[in-house]
Amino acid sequence: MSDLQLALIAFGAVFVAAVAGYNVLQERRARRRAEAAFRGTHRDALLDPVADRREPVLGDLPGEAGEEAGLASVDEGLVPADAAGEPAEVSPAARVSGRIDTLALVLADEPVTREQLEPLLDALQSHLTPVHVEGLVDEQWMAVEESPRDAWRELRVGLQLASRAGPVAEEEIAAFNETVASFAASINAVSQREGAAAAAARARELDRFCAEADVEVAVNLVGRAGAAFAIARVKPLALEHGFAETGSGTFERRAPDGGVAMTLRTHDPLERRDAATVTGLTFALDVPHVADPVAVLDEMGRVAEAFGLALGGEIVDDERRPMGAAGFAAVRRSLEAVARRMETHAIPAGGALARRLFS
């Protein structure tokens, strides 16, 4: 070979080695960024803007000792070591929470545009349970559909693990992980996901919590000696006490935050909806959806008493037994226990997480 050919071969070998080294360096940098974000060195990687906050956890979930949010390695990727330990309520711009969602993080060297994100959003629509996608904007997670930006270098995807319909199956979580991983690979990004088995275990634990805390408290009002109530009197009385009639024929009284504080419904079946009288009324509050449910119970009792005086009725329990002060006190104690349990697990009644979980 000539000297020129040897020089070209040597130069080519050096160039290939330099490219390979650069690629390895970039891969290591991306991996370090992903691990650092999930470890908590990036203070908003898992939603918590308060670096020193500690929260109680749910059952035997990881992080029970109260350590800072982080991730522990698993075969599939990374699993939140304290996913249940982030604050229950965060910035209104954020929807995803490690308490009730399984999280996946996508980190890209180049910003991911809305157009690039569309295939992921379309694929996630196949899930029956809620899925939210957020981008990092000025150190805050924000739903991409509400974001002022059109591209993000860091994305977070959350699949809700449980609801009133039950826990999410491990197979669905695995499919969710595969969807996110495939999307990340398609845009040359790094993704980290919670292991499907660990997430499924958290889903079952959440479902057990739901079963224990999903309570409706009801107060019944019936006419004395079996007398019926005239609808012509019930409706004006309901409006007077702040209720509004819904399309289904029930009445709702709203809380200051816009949520439903209590409902009023009749005892009669739907086929009697147009009847002139009703045989009884029920005042009810959906505990997980009501902030300060104990105070709402007290108010509901006062409203029921006012209806009873106006309509000539008496307050009874579900067995049609008169419900006096002792009965209300017993219900109040039970309700206080449920509210405390929800507070202990950092999913307070009436909060955004509770309303999502108990849906």
Foldseek 3Di string as FASTA:
>chain_A
DDPVVVVVVVVVVVVVVVVVVVVVVVVVVQVVVVQCLQACVLVCSQHAPDQPDWAAAFDPQACRVGDGWHWDDDPQFTFINPQLTGFLDHPPQDDDGSRFWWKKKKAAPDWQFPVLCVVLVVVVVVDPFDKFKWAQDPSGTGTPVPDPDGTHRMMMMTGGQAEPVAGDDLVVQVVNSVSVVVSNVVRVIDMGTHRSVSSNVSSNSLRVLCVLQFDKDKKKKFAPPQDWFFPVVVVVLCVVVQWDADPQGKTFHADPVGFTAKIKDAPDDPVCSVPRTTGIMMIMGRFQQHAPNLVSLVVSVVSSVVVCVVGVIAIAPPVRHGQDPVNSVVVSVVSVVSQVVCVNSSSGRNDSNSVSRHD
